[in-house]
ModelCIF file with pLDDT and N, C-alpha, C, O atoms, coordinates in Angstrom:
data_MODEL
#
_entry.id   MODEL 
#
_entity.id                         1 
_entity.type                       polymer 
_entity.pdbx_number_of_molecules   1 
#
_entity_poly.entity_id                      1 
_entity_poly.type                           'polypeptide(L)' 
_entity_poly.nstd_linkage                   no 
_entity_poly.nstd_monomer                   no 
_entity_poly.pdbx_seq_one_letter_code       
;(UNK)(UNK)(UNK)(UNK)(UNK)(UNK)(UNK)(UNK)(UNK)(UNK)(UNK)(UNK)(UNK)(UNK)(UNK)(UNK)
(UNK)(UNK)(UNK)(UNK)(UNK)(UNK)(UNK)(UNK)(UNK)(UNK)(UNK)(UNK)(UNK)(UNK)(UNK)(UNK)
(UNK)(UNK)(UNK)(UNK)(UNK)(UNK)(UNK)(UNK)(UNK)(UNK)(UNK)(UNK)(UNK)(UNK)(UNK)
;
_entity_poly.pdbx_seq_one_letter_code_can   XXXXXXXXXXXXXXXXXXXXXXXXXXXXXXXXXXXXXXXXXXXXXXX 
_entity_poly.pdbx_strand_id                 A 
#
loop_
_entity_poly_seq.entity_id 
_entity_poly_seq.num 
_entity_poly_seq.mon_id 
_entity_poly_seq.hetero 
1 1  UNK n 
1 2  UNK n 
1 3  UNK n 
1 4  UNK n 
1 5  UNK n 
1 6  UNK n 
1 7  UNK n 
1 8  UNK n 
1 9  UNK n 
1 10 UNK n 
1 11 UNK n 
1 12 UNK n 
1 13 UNK n 
1 14 UNK n 
1 15 UNK n 
1 16 UNK n 
1 17 UNK n 
1 18 UNK n 
1 19 UNK n 
1 20 UNK n 
1 21 UNK n 
1 22 UNK n 
1 23 UNK n 
1 24 UNK n 
1 25 UNK n 
1 26 UNK n 
1 27 UNK n 
1 28 UNK n 
1 29 UNK n 
1 30 UNK n 
1 31 UNK n 
1 32 UNK n 
1 33 UNK n 
1 34 UNK n 
1 35 UNK n 
1 36 UNK n 
1 37 UNK n 
1 38 UNK n 
1 39 UNK n 
1 40 UNK n 
1 41 UNK n 
1 42 UNK n 
1 43 UNK n 
1 44 UNK n 
1 45 UNK n 
1 46 UNK n 
1 47 UNK n 
#
_struct_asym.id          A 
_struct_asym.entity_id   1 
#
loop_
_ma_qa_metric.id 
_ma_qa_metric.mode 
_ma_qa_metric.name 
_ma_qa_metric.software_group_id 
_ma_qa_metric.type 
1 global pLDDT . pLDDT 
2 local  pLDDT . pLDDT 
#
_ma_qa_metric_global.metric_id      1 
_ma_qa_metric_global.metric_value   95.74 
_ma_qa_metric_global.model_id       1 
_ma_qa_metric_global.ordinal_id     1 
#
loop_
_ma_qa_metric_local.label_asym_id 
_ma_qa_metric_local.label_comp_id 
_ma_qa_metric_local.label_seq_id 
_ma_qa_metric_local.metric_id 
_ma_qa_metric_local.metric_value 
_ma_qa_metric_local.model_id 
_ma_qa_metric_local.ordinal_id 
A UNK 1  2 98.00 1 1  
A UNK 2  2 98.00 1 2  
A UNK 3  2 98.00 1 3  
A UNK 4  2 98.00 1 4  
A UNK 5  2 98.00 1 5  
A UNK 6  2 97.00 1 6  
A UNK 7  2 96.00 1 7  
A UNK 8  2 95.00 1 8  
A UNK 9  2 94.00 1 9  
A UNK 10 2 94.00 1 10 
A UNK 11 2 94.00 1 11 
A UNK 12 2 94.00 1 12 
A UNK 13 2 96.00 1 13 
A UNK 14 2 97.00 1 14 
A UNK 15 2 98.00 1 15 
A UNK 16 2 98.00 1 16 
A UNK 17 2 98.00 1 17 
A UNK 18 2 98.00 1 18 
A UNK 19 2 98.00 1 19 
A UNK 20 2 98.00 1 20 
A UNK 21 2 98.00 1 21 
A UNK 22 2 98.00 1 22 
A UNK 23 2 97.00 1 23 
A UNK 24 2 98.00 1 24 
A UNK 25 2 97.00 1 25 
A UNK 26 2 92.00 1 26 
A UNK 27 2 96.00 1 27 
A UNK 28 2 93.00 1 28 
A UNK 29 2 91.00 1 29 
A UNK 30 2 93.00 1 30 
A UNK 31 2 92.00 1 31 
A UNK 32 2 95.00 1 32 
A UNK 33 2 97.00 1 33 
A UNK 34 2 96.00 1 34 
A UNK 35 2 97.00 1 35 
A UNK 36 2 96.00 1 36 
A UNK 37 2 96.00 1 37 
A UNK 38 2 97.00 1 38 
A UNK 39 2 97.00 1 39 
A UNK 40 2 96.00 1 40 
A UNK 41 2 96.00 1 41 
A UNK 42 2 95.00 1 42 
A UNK 43 2 95.00 1 43 
A UNK 44 2 94.00 1 44 
A UNK 45 2 92.00 1 45 
A UNK 46 2 90.00 1 46 
A UNK 47 2 91.00 1 47 
#
loop_
_atom_site.group_PDB 
_atom_site.id 
_atom_site.type_symbol 
_atom_site.label_atom_id 
_atom_site.label_alt_id 
_atom_site.label_comp_id 
_atom_site.label_asym_id 
_atom_site.label_entity_id 
_atom_site.label_seq_id 
_atom_site.pdbx_PDB_ins_code 
_atom_site.Cartn_x 
_atom_site.Cartn_y 
_atom_site.Cartn_z 
_atom_site.occupancy 
_atom_site.B_iso_or_equiv 
_atom_site.pdbx_formal_charge 
_atom_site.auth_seq_id 
_atom_site.auth_comp_id 
_atom_site.auth_asym_id 
_atom_site.auth_atom_id 
_atom_site.pdbx_PDB_model_num 
ATOM 1   N N  . UNK A 1 1  ? 1.086   -1.596  -0.166 1.00 98.00 ? 1  UNK A N  1 
ATOM 2   C CA . UNK A 1 1  ? 0.076   -0.018  0.196  1.00 98.00 ? 1  UNK A CA 1 
ATOM 3   C C  . UNK A 1 1  ? 0.907   1.669   0.201  1.00 98.00 ? 1  UNK A C  1 
ATOM 4   O O  . UNK A 1 1  ? 0.571   2.796   0.562  1.00 98.00 ? 1  UNK A O  1 
ATOM 5   N N  . UNK A 1 2  ? 1.873   1.181   -0.286 1.00 98.00 ? 2  UNK A N  1 
ATOM 6   C CA . UNK A 1 2  ? 3.099   2.209   -0.118 1.00 98.00 ? 2  UNK A CA 1 
ATOM 7   C C  . UNK A 1 2  ? 3.784   2.047   -1.594 1.00 98.00 ? 2  UNK A C  1 
ATOM 8   O O  . UNK A 1 2  ? 3.918   1.014   -2.249 1.00 98.00 ? 2  UNK A O  1 
ATOM 9   N N  . UNK A 1 3  ? 4.122   3.201   -1.874 1.00 98.00 ? 3  UNK A N  1 
ATOM 10  C CA . UNK A 1 3  ? 5.676   3.103   -2.573 1.00 98.00 ? 3  UNK A CA 1 
ATOM 11  C C  . UNK A 1 3  ? 7.251   2.959   -1.464 1.00 98.00 ? 3  UNK A C  1 
ATOM 12  O O  . UNK A 1 3  ? 7.430   3.140   -0.259 1.00 98.00 ? 3  UNK A O  1 
ATOM 13  N N  . UNK A 1 4  ? 8.151   2.555   -2.595 1.00 98.00 ? 4  UNK A N  1 
ATOM 14  C CA . UNK A 1 4  ? 9.274   1.941   -2.185 1.00 98.00 ? 4  UNK A CA 1 
ATOM 15  C C  . UNK A 1 4  ? 10.370  3.216   -2.373 1.00 98.00 ? 4  UNK A C  1 
ATOM 16  O O  . UNK A 1 4  ? 9.913   4.064   -3.139 1.00 98.00 ? 4  UNK A O  1 
ATOM 17  N N  . UNK A 1 5  ? 11.450  3.479   -1.949 1.00 98.00 ? 5  UNK A N  1 
ATOM 18  C CA . UNK A 1 5  ? 12.663  4.238   -2.670 1.00 98.00 ? 5  UNK A CA 1 
ATOM 19  C C  . UNK A 1 5  ? 13.199  2.593   -3.605 1.00 98.00 ? 5  UNK A C  1 
ATOM 20  O O  . UNK A 1 5  ? 13.737  2.601   -4.712 1.00 98.00 ? 5  UNK A O  1 
ATOM 21  N N  . UNK A 1 6  ? 12.980  1.755   -3.071 1.00 97.00 ? 6  UNK A N  1 
ATOM 22  C CA . UNK A 1 6  ? 14.393  0.666   -3.548 1.00 97.00 ? 6  UNK A CA 1 
ATOM 23  C C  . UNK A 1 6  ? 13.422  -0.244  -3.757 1.00 97.00 ? 6  UNK A C  1 
ATOM 24  O O  . UNK A 1 6  ? 12.339  -0.166  -3.178 1.00 97.00 ? 6  UNK A O  1 
ATOM 25  N N  . UNK A 1 7  ? 13.796  -1.432  -4.818 1.00 96.00 ? 7  UNK A N  1 
ATOM 26  C CA . UNK A 1 7  ? 13.110  -2.398  -5.352 1.00 96.00 ? 7  UNK A CA 1 
ATOM 27  C C  . UNK A 1 7  ? 13.369  -3.179  -4.318 1.00 96.00 ? 7  UNK A C  1 
ATOM 28  O O  . UNK A 1 7  ? 12.475  -3.994  -4.092 1.00 96.00 ? 7  UNK A O  1 
ATOM 29  N N  . UNK A 1 8  ? 14.737  -3.230  -3.258 1.00 95.00 ? 8  UNK A N  1 
ATOM 30  C CA . UNK A 1 8  ? 15.356  -4.164  -2.621 1.00 95.00 ? 8  UNK A CA 1 
ATOM 31  C C  . UNK A 1 8  ? 14.484  -5.036  -1.230 1.00 95.00 ? 8  UNK A C  1 
ATOM 32  O O  . UNK A 1 8  ? 14.894  -5.950  -0.515 1.00 95.00 ? 8  UNK A O  1 
ATOM 33  N N  . UNK A 1 9  ? 13.508  -4.504  -1.234 1.00 94.00 ? 9  UNK A N  1 
ATOM 34  C CA . UNK A 1 9  ? 13.064  -4.997  0.170  1.00 94.00 ? 9  UNK A CA 1 
ATOM 35  C C  . UNK A 1 9  ? 11.569  -4.003  0.093  1.00 94.00 ? 9  UNK A C  1 
ATOM 36  O O  . UNK A 1 9  ? 11.418  -2.939  -0.506 1.00 94.00 ? 9  UNK A O  1 
ATOM 37  N N  . UNK A 1 10 ? 10.463  -4.854  1.010  1.00 94.00 ? 10 UNK A N  1 
ATOM 38  C CA . UNK A 1 10 ? 9.301   -4.192  1.088  1.00 94.00 ? 10 UNK A CA 1 
ATOM 39  C C  . UNK A 1 10 ? 9.242   -3.846  3.041  1.00 94.00 ? 10 UNK A C  1 
ATOM 40  O O  . UNK A 1 10 ? 8.483   -4.467  3.786  1.00 94.00 ? 10 UNK A O  1 
ATOM 41  N N  . UNK A 1 11 ? 9.778   -3.241  3.305  1.00 94.00 ? 11 UNK A N  1 
ATOM 42  C CA . UNK A 1 11 ? 9.964   -2.872  5.075  1.00 94.00 ? 11 UNK A CA 1 
ATOM 43  C C  . UNK A 1 11 ? 9.562   -1.197  4.929  1.00 94.00 ? 11 UNK A C  1 
ATOM 44  O O  . UNK A 1 11 ? 9.414   -0.397  4.005  1.00 94.00 ? 11 UNK A O  1 
ATOM 45  N N  . UNK A 1 12 ? 9.499   -1.187  6.115  1.00 94.00 ? 12 UNK A N  1 
ATOM 46  C CA . UNK A 1 12 ? 8.797   0.373   6.992  1.00 94.00 ? 12 UNK A CA 1 
ATOM 47  C C  . UNK A 1 12 ? 9.787   1.365   6.603  1.00 94.00 ? 12 UNK A C  1 
ATOM 48  O O  . UNK A 1 12 ? 9.561   2.438   6.044  1.00 94.00 ? 12 UNK A O  1 
ATOM 49  N N  . UNK A 1 13 ? 11.243  0.747   7.068  1.00 96.00 ? 13 UNK A N  1 
ATOM 50  C CA . UNK A 1 13 ? 12.369  1.760   6.236  1.00 96.00 ? 13 UNK A CA 1 
ATOM 51  C C  . UNK A 1 13 ? 12.252  2.146   4.939  1.00 96.00 ? 13 UNK A C  1 
ATOM 52  O O  . UNK A 1 13 ? 12.559  3.258   4.511  1.00 96.00 ? 13 UNK A O  1 
ATOM 53  N N  . UNK A 1 14 ? 11.966  1.560   4.531  1.00 97.00 ? 14 UNK A N  1 
ATOM 54  C CA . UNK A 1 14 ? 12.565  2.031   2.906  1.00 97.00 ? 14 UNK A CA 1 
ATOM 55  C C  . UNK A 1 14 ? 11.152  2.736   2.137  1.00 97.00 ? 14 UNK A C  1 
ATOM 56  O O  . UNK A 1 14 ? 11.146  3.000   0.935  1.00 97.00 ? 14 UNK A O  1 
ATOM 57  N N  . UNK A 1 15 ? 9.795   3.024   3.192  1.00 98.00 ? 15 UNK A N  1 
ATOM 58  C CA . UNK A 1 15 ? 8.887   3.374   2.491  1.00 98.00 ? 15 UNK A CA 1 
ATOM 59  C C  . UNK A 1 15 ? 8.984   4.845   1.853  1.00 98.00 ? 15 UNK A C  1 
ATOM 60  O O  . UNK A 1 15 ? 9.751   5.609   2.438  1.00 98.00 ? 15 UNK A O  1 
ATOM 61  N N  . UNK A 1 16 ? 8.329   5.322   0.766  1.00 98.00 ? 16 UNK A N  1 
ATOM 62  C CA . UNK A 1 16 ? 8.733   6.388   -0.015 1.00 98.00 ? 16 UNK A CA 1 
ATOM 63  C C  . UNK A 1 16 ? 7.258   7.594   0.099  1.00 98.00 ? 16 UNK A C  1 
ATOM 64  O O  . UNK A 1 16 ? 7.238   8.793   0.377  1.00 98.00 ? 16 UNK A O  1 
ATOM 65  N N  . UNK A 1 17 ? 6.372   6.822   -0.181 1.00 98.00 ? 17 UNK A N  1 
ATOM 66  C CA . UNK A 1 17 ? 4.935   7.888   -0.011 1.00 98.00 ? 17 UNK A CA 1 
ATOM 67  C C  . UNK A 1 17 ? 3.550   6.790   0.089  1.00 98.00 ? 17 UNK A C  1 
ATOM 68  O O  . UNK A 1 17 ? 3.474   5.618   -0.280 1.00 98.00 ? 17 UNK A O  1 
ATOM 69  N N  . UNK A 1 18 ? 2.661   7.551   0.648  1.00 98.00 ? 18 UNK A N  1 
ATOM 70  C CA . UNK A 1 18 ? 1.457   7.071   0.381  1.00 98.00 ? 18 UNK A CA 1 
ATOM 71  C C  . UNK A 1 18 ? 0.177   7.880   -0.295 1.00 98.00 ? 18 UNK A C  1 
ATOM 72  O O  . UNK A 1 18 ? 0.440   9.025   -0.663 1.00 98.00 ? 18 UNK A O  1 
ATOM 73  N N  . UNK A 1 19 ? -0.807  7.542   -0.442 1.00 98.00 ? 19 UNK A N  1 
ATOM 74  C CA . UNK A 1 19 ? -2.070  8.010   -0.772 1.00 98.00 ? 19 UNK A CA 1 
ATOM 75  C C  . UNK A 1 19 ? -3.324  7.658   -0.240 1.00 98.00 ? 19 UNK A C  1 
ATOM 76  O O  . UNK A 1 19 ? -4.366  8.174   -0.645 1.00 98.00 ? 19 UNK A O  1 
ATOM 77  N N  . UNK A 1 20 ? -3.275  6.767   0.687  1.00 98.00 ? 20 UNK A N  1 
ATOM 78  C CA . UNK A 1 20 ? -4.396  6.474   1.238  1.00 98.00 ? 20 UNK A CA 1 
ATOM 79  C C  . UNK A 1 20 ? -4.227  5.800   3.170  1.00 98.00 ? 20 UNK A C  1 
ATOM 80  O O  . UNK A 1 20 ? -3.279  5.082   3.490  1.00 98.00 ? 20 UNK A O  1 
ATOM 81  N N  . UNK A 1 21 ? -5.114  6.145   3.988  1.00 98.00 ? 21 UNK A N  1 
ATOM 82  C CA . UNK A 1 21 ? -5.682  5.372   5.085  1.00 98.00 ? 21 UNK A CA 1 
ATOM 83  C C  . UNK A 1 21 ? -6.156  4.104   4.552  1.00 98.00 ? 21 UNK A C  1 
ATOM 84  O O  . UNK A 1 21 ? -6.343  3.886   3.356  1.00 98.00 ? 21 UNK A O  1 
ATOM 85  N N  . UNK A 1 22 ? -6.388  3.063   5.755  1.00 98.00 ? 22 UNK A N  1 
ATOM 86  C CA . UNK A 1 22 ? -7.218  2.004   5.298  1.00 98.00 ? 22 UNK A CA 1 
ATOM 87  C C  . UNK A 1 22 ? -7.431  0.909   6.279  1.00 98.00 ? 22 UNK A C  1 
ATOM 88  O O  . UNK A 1 22 ? -6.409  0.589   6.886  1.00 98.00 ? 22 UNK A O  1 
ATOM 89  N N  . UNK A 1 23 ? -8.398  0.326   6.547  1.00 97.00 ? 23 UNK A N  1 
ATOM 90  C CA . UNK A 1 23 ? -9.042  -0.644  7.884  1.00 97.00 ? 23 UNK A CA 1 
ATOM 91  C C  . UNK A 1 23 ? -8.919  -1.848  6.770  1.00 97.00 ? 23 UNK A C  1 
ATOM 92  O O  . UNK A 1 23 ? -8.783  -1.882  5.548  1.00 97.00 ? 23 UNK A O  1 
ATOM 93  N N  . UNK A 1 24 ? -9.068  -3.074  8.102  1.00 98.00 ? 24 UNK A N  1 
ATOM 94  C CA . UNK A 1 24 ? -9.285  -4.841  7.294  1.00 98.00 ? 24 UNK A CA 1 
ATOM 95  C C  . UNK A 1 24 ? -10.109 -5.033  8.316  1.00 98.00 ? 24 UNK A C  1 
ATOM 96  O O  . UNK A 1 24 ? -9.678  -5.016  9.469  1.00 98.00 ? 24 UNK A O  1 
ATOM 97  N N  . UNK A 1 25 ? -11.702 -5.291  7.968  1.00 97.00 ? 25 UNK A N  1 
ATOM 98  C CA . UNK A 1 25 ? -12.170 -5.992  8.965  1.00 97.00 ? 25 UNK A CA 1 
ATOM 99  C C  . UNK A 1 25 ? -12.949 -7.637  8.274  1.00 97.00 ? 25 UNK A C  1 
ATOM 100 O O  . UNK A 1 25 ? -13.678 -8.070  7.381  1.00 97.00 ? 25 UNK A O  1 
ATOM 101 N N  . UNK A 1 26 ? -12.203 -8.009  9.366  1.00 92.00 ? 26 UNK A N  1 
ATOM 102 C CA . UNK A 1 26 ? -12.391 -9.521  9.451  1.00 92.00 ? 26 UNK A CA 1 
ATOM 103 C C  . UNK A 1 26 ? -14.155 -10.002 9.325  1.00 92.00 ? 26 UNK A C  1 
ATOM 104 O O  . UNK A 1 26 ? -14.830 -9.682  10.303 1.00 92.00 ? 26 UNK A O  1 
ATOM 105 N N  . UNK A 1 27 ? -14.722 -10.571 8.441  1.00 96.00 ? 27 UNK A N  1 
ATOM 106 C CA . UNK A 1 27 ? -15.460 -11.249 9.026  1.00 96.00 ? 27 UNK A CA 1 
ATOM 107 C C  . UNK A 1 27 ? -16.003 -12.909 8.662  1.00 96.00 ? 27 UNK A C  1 
ATOM 108 O O  . UNK A 1 27 ? -15.894 -13.521 7.599  1.00 96.00 ? 27 UNK A O  1 
ATOM 109 N N  . UNK A 1 28 ? -16.782 -13.476 10.322 1.00 93.00 ? 28 UNK A N  1 
ATOM 110 C CA . UNK A 1 28 ? -16.951 -14.792 10.361 1.00 93.00 ? 28 UNK A CA 1 
ATOM 111 C C  . UNK A 1 28 ? -16.142 -16.016 11.186 1.00 93.00 ? 28 UNK A C  1 
ATOM 112 O O  . UNK A 1 28 ? -16.215 -17.225 11.406 1.00 93.00 ? 28 UNK A O  1 
ATOM 113 N N  . UNK A 1 29 ? -15.331 -14.850 11.481 1.00 91.00 ? 29 UNK A N  1 
ATOM 114 C CA . UNK A 1 29 ? -14.004 -15.713 12.875 1.00 91.00 ? 29 UNK A CA 1 
ATOM 115 C C  . UNK A 1 29 ? -14.980 -15.109 14.014 1.00 91.00 ? 29 UNK A C  1 
ATOM 116 O O  . UNK A 1 29 ? -15.812 -14.208 13.915 1.00 91.00 ? 29 UNK A O  1 
ATOM 117 N N  . UNK A 1 30 ? -14.587 -15.946 15.199 1.00 93.00 ? 30 UNK A N  1 
ATOM 118 C CA . UNK A 1 30 ? -14.899 -15.413 16.397 1.00 93.00 ? 30 UNK A CA 1 
ATOM 119 C C  . UNK A 1 30 ? -13.959 -13.883 16.583 1.00 93.00 ? 30 UNK A C  1 
ATOM 120 O O  . UNK A 1 30 ? -12.832 -13.565 16.202 1.00 93.00 ? 30 UNK A O  1 
ATOM 121 N N  . UNK A 1 31 ? -15.042 -13.149 17.365 1.00 92.00 ? 31 UNK A N  1 
ATOM 122 C CA . UNK A 1 31 ? -14.856 -11.752 17.835 1.00 92.00 ? 31 UNK A CA 1 
ATOM 123 C C  . UNK A 1 31 ? -14.945 -10.795 16.152 1.00 92.00 ? 31 UNK A C  1 
ATOM 124 O O  . UNK A 1 31 ? -14.841 -9.584  15.957 1.00 92.00 ? 31 UNK A O  1 
ATOM 125 N N  . UNK A 1 32 ? -15.107 -11.595 15.456 1.00 95.00 ? 32 UNK A N  1 
ATOM 126 C CA . UNK A 1 32 ? -15.711 -10.523 14.523 1.00 95.00 ? 32 UNK A CA 1 
ATOM 127 C C  . UNK A 1 32 ? -17.259 -10.384 14.017 1.00 95.00 ? 32 UNK A C  1 
ATOM 128 O O  . UNK A 1 32 ? -18.193 -10.971 14.564 1.00 95.00 ? 32 UNK A O  1 
ATOM 129 N N  . UNK A 1 33 ? -17.384 -9.540  12.921 1.00 97.00 ? 33 UNK A N  1 
ATOM 130 C CA . UNK A 1 33 ? -19.059 -9.520  12.637 1.00 97.00 ? 33 UNK A CA 1 
ATOM 131 C C  . UNK A 1 33 ? -19.428 -10.929 11.863 1.00 97.00 ? 33 UNK A C  1 
ATOM 132 O O  . UNK A 1 33 ? -18.633 -11.593 11.197 1.00 97.00 ? 33 UNK A O  1 
ATOM 133 N N  . UNK A 1 34 ? -20.764 -11.223 12.092 1.00 96.00 ? 34 UNK A N  1 
ATOM 134 C CA . UNK A 1 34 ? -21.185 -12.129 11.155 1.00 96.00 ? 34 UNK A CA 1 
ATOM 135 C C  . UNK A 1 34 ? -21.176 -12.231 10.081 1.00 96.00 ? 34 UNK A C  1 
ATOM 136 O O  . UNK A 1 34 ? -20.858 -13.247 9.463  1.00 96.00 ? 34 UNK A O  1 
ATOM 137 N N  . UNK A 1 35 ? -21.594 -10.998 9.542  1.00 97.00 ? 35 UNK A N  1 
ATOM 138 C CA . UNK A 1 35 ? -21.560 -10.940 7.637  1.00 97.00 ? 35 UNK A CA 1 
ATOM 139 C C  . UNK A 1 35 ? -20.908 -9.471  7.351  1.00 97.00 ? 35 UNK A C  1 
ATOM 140 O O  . UNK A 1 35 ? -20.446 -8.634  8.126  1.00 97.00 ? 35 UNK A O  1 
ATOM 141 N N  . UNK A 1 36 ? -21.019 -9.485  6.262  1.00 96.00 ? 36 UNK A N  1 
ATOM 142 C CA . UNK A 1 36 ? -20.539 -8.736  5.401  1.00 96.00 ? 36 UNK A CA 1 
ATOM 143 C C  . UNK A 1 36 ? -21.284 -7.073  5.504  1.00 96.00 ? 36 UNK A C  1 
ATOM 144 O O  . UNK A 1 36 ? -20.893 -5.928  5.274  1.00 96.00 ? 36 UNK A O  1 
ATOM 145 N N  . UNK A 1 37 ? -22.269 -7.571  5.874  1.00 96.00 ? 37 UNK A N  1 
ATOM 146 C CA . UNK A 1 37 ? -23.512 -6.675  5.591  1.00 96.00 ? 37 UNK A CA 1 
ATOM 147 C C  . UNK A 1 37 ? -23.529 -6.098  7.090  1.00 96.00 ? 37 UNK A C  1 
ATOM 148 O O  . UNK A 1 37 ? -24.207 -5.121  7.405  1.00 96.00 ? 37 UNK A O  1 
ATOM 149 N N  . UNK A 1 38 ? -22.872 -6.669  7.802  1.00 97.00 ? 38 UNK A N  1 
ATOM 150 C CA . UNK A 1 38 ? -22.990 -5.795  9.531  1.00 97.00 ? 38 UNK A CA 1 
ATOM 151 C C  . UNK A 1 38 ? -21.624 -5.055  9.584  1.00 97.00 ? 38 UNK A C  1 
ATOM 152 O O  . UNK A 1 38 ? -21.431 -3.984  10.159 1.00 97.00 ? 38 UNK A O  1 
ATOM 153 N N  . UNK A 1 39 ? -20.741 -5.758  8.924  1.00 97.00 ? 39 UNK A N  1 
ATOM 154 C CA . UNK A 1 39 ? -19.612 -5.403  9.184  1.00 97.00 ? 39 UNK A CA 1 
ATOM 155 C C  . UNK A 1 39 ? -19.439 -3.486  8.268  1.00 97.00 ? 39 UNK A C  1 
ATOM 156 O O  . UNK A 1 39 ? -18.739 -2.530  8.600  1.00 97.00 ? 39 UNK A O  1 
ATOM 157 N N  . UNK A 1 40 ? -20.041 -3.587  7.554  1.00 96.00 ? 40 UNK A N  1 
ATOM 158 C CA . UNK A 1 40 ? -20.519 -2.428  6.491  1.00 96.00 ? 40 UNK A CA 1 
ATOM 159 C C  . UNK A 1 40 ? -21.176 -1.342  7.090  1.00 96.00 ? 40 UNK A C  1 
ATOM 160 O O  . UNK A 1 40 ? -20.603 -0.258  7.199  1.00 96.00 ? 40 UNK A O  1 
ATOM 161 N N  . UNK A 1 41 ? -22.588 -1.569  7.581  1.00 96.00 ? 41 UNK A N  1 
ATOM 162 C CA . UNK A 1 41 ? -22.930 -0.618  8.639  1.00 96.00 ? 41 UNK A CA 1 
ATOM 163 C C  . UNK A 1 41 ? -21.940 -0.246  9.905  1.00 96.00 ? 41 UNK A C  1 
ATOM 164 O O  . UNK A 1 41 ? -21.541 0.888   10.171 1.00 96.00 ? 41 UNK A O  1 
ATOM 165 N N  . UNK A 1 42 ? -21.687 -1.250  10.503 1.00 95.00 ? 42 UNK A N  1 
ATOM 166 C CA . UNK A 1 42 ? -20.575 -1.035  11.543 1.00 95.00 ? 42 UNK A CA 1 
ATOM 167 C C  . UNK A 1 42 ? -19.509 0.446   10.955 1.00 95.00 ? 42 UNK A C  1 
ATOM 168 O O  . UNK A 1 42 ? -19.428 1.598   11.381 1.00 95.00 ? 42 UNK A O  1 
ATOM 169 N N  . UNK A 1 43 ? -19.070 -0.011  10.231 1.00 95.00 ? 43 UNK A N  1 
ATOM 170 C CA . UNK A 1 43 ? -17.819 1.073   9.213  1.00 95.00 ? 43 UNK A CA 1 
ATOM 171 C C  . UNK A 1 43 ? -18.436 2.285   9.098  1.00 95.00 ? 43 UNK A C  1 
ATOM 172 O O  . UNK A 1 43 ? -17.940 3.356   9.449  1.00 95.00 ? 43 UNK A O  1 
ATOM 173 N N  . UNK A 1 44 ? -19.904 2.071   8.432  1.00 94.00 ? 44 UNK A N  1 
ATOM 174 C CA . UNK A 1 44 ? -20.494 3.722   7.878  1.00 94.00 ? 44 UNK A CA 1 
ATOM 175 C C  . UNK A 1 44 ? -20.665 4.267   8.956  1.00 94.00 ? 44 UNK A C  1 
ATOM 176 O O  . UNK A 1 44 ? -20.324 5.444   9.067  1.00 94.00 ? 44 UNK A O  1 
ATOM 177 N N  . UNK A 1 45 ? -21.286 3.519   10.150 1.00 92.00 ? 45 UNK A N  1 
ATOM 178 C CA . UNK A 1 45 ? -21.755 4.313   11.728 1.00 92.00 ? 45 UNK A CA 1 
ATOM 179 C C  . UNK A 1 45 ? -20.293 4.917   11.971 1.00 92.00 ? 45 UNK A C  1 
ATOM 180 O O  . UNK A 1 45 ? -20.383 6.089   12.334 1.00 92.00 ? 45 UNK A O  1 
ATOM 181 N N  . UNK A 1 46 ? -19.402 4.610   11.909 1.00 90.00 ? 46 UNK A N  1 
ATOM 182 C CA . UNK A 1 46 ? -18.281 4.918   12.681 1.00 90.00 ? 46 UNK A CA 1 
ATOM 183 C C  . UNK A 1 46 ? -17.560 6.419   11.951 1.00 90.00 ? 46 UNK A C  1 
ATOM 184 O O  . UNK A 1 46 ? -17.065 7.325   12.620 1.00 90.00 ? 46 UNK A O  1 
ATOM 185 N N  . UNK A 1 47 ? -17.671 6.389   10.182 1.00 91.00 ? 47 UNK A N  1 
ATOM 186 C CA . UNK A 1 47 ? -17.764 7.533   9.589  1.00 91.00 ? 47 UNK A CA 1 
ATOM 187 C C  . UNK A 1 47 ? -18.507 8.578   9.837  1.00 91.00 ? 47 UNK A C  1 
ATOM 188 O O  . UNK A 1 47 ? -18.425 9.577   9.123  1.00 91.00 ? 47 UNK A O  1 
#
């Protein structure tokens, strides 16, 4: 999700630029939402 200074490695110290923030929501696992619909509703409520 970042661009990098060189193609040698994908590490945080080699990152160059970004163009987005993000979040990842799992569904159907213990402690997560039961459905994608439920996850999206909770996400939109956060926004």
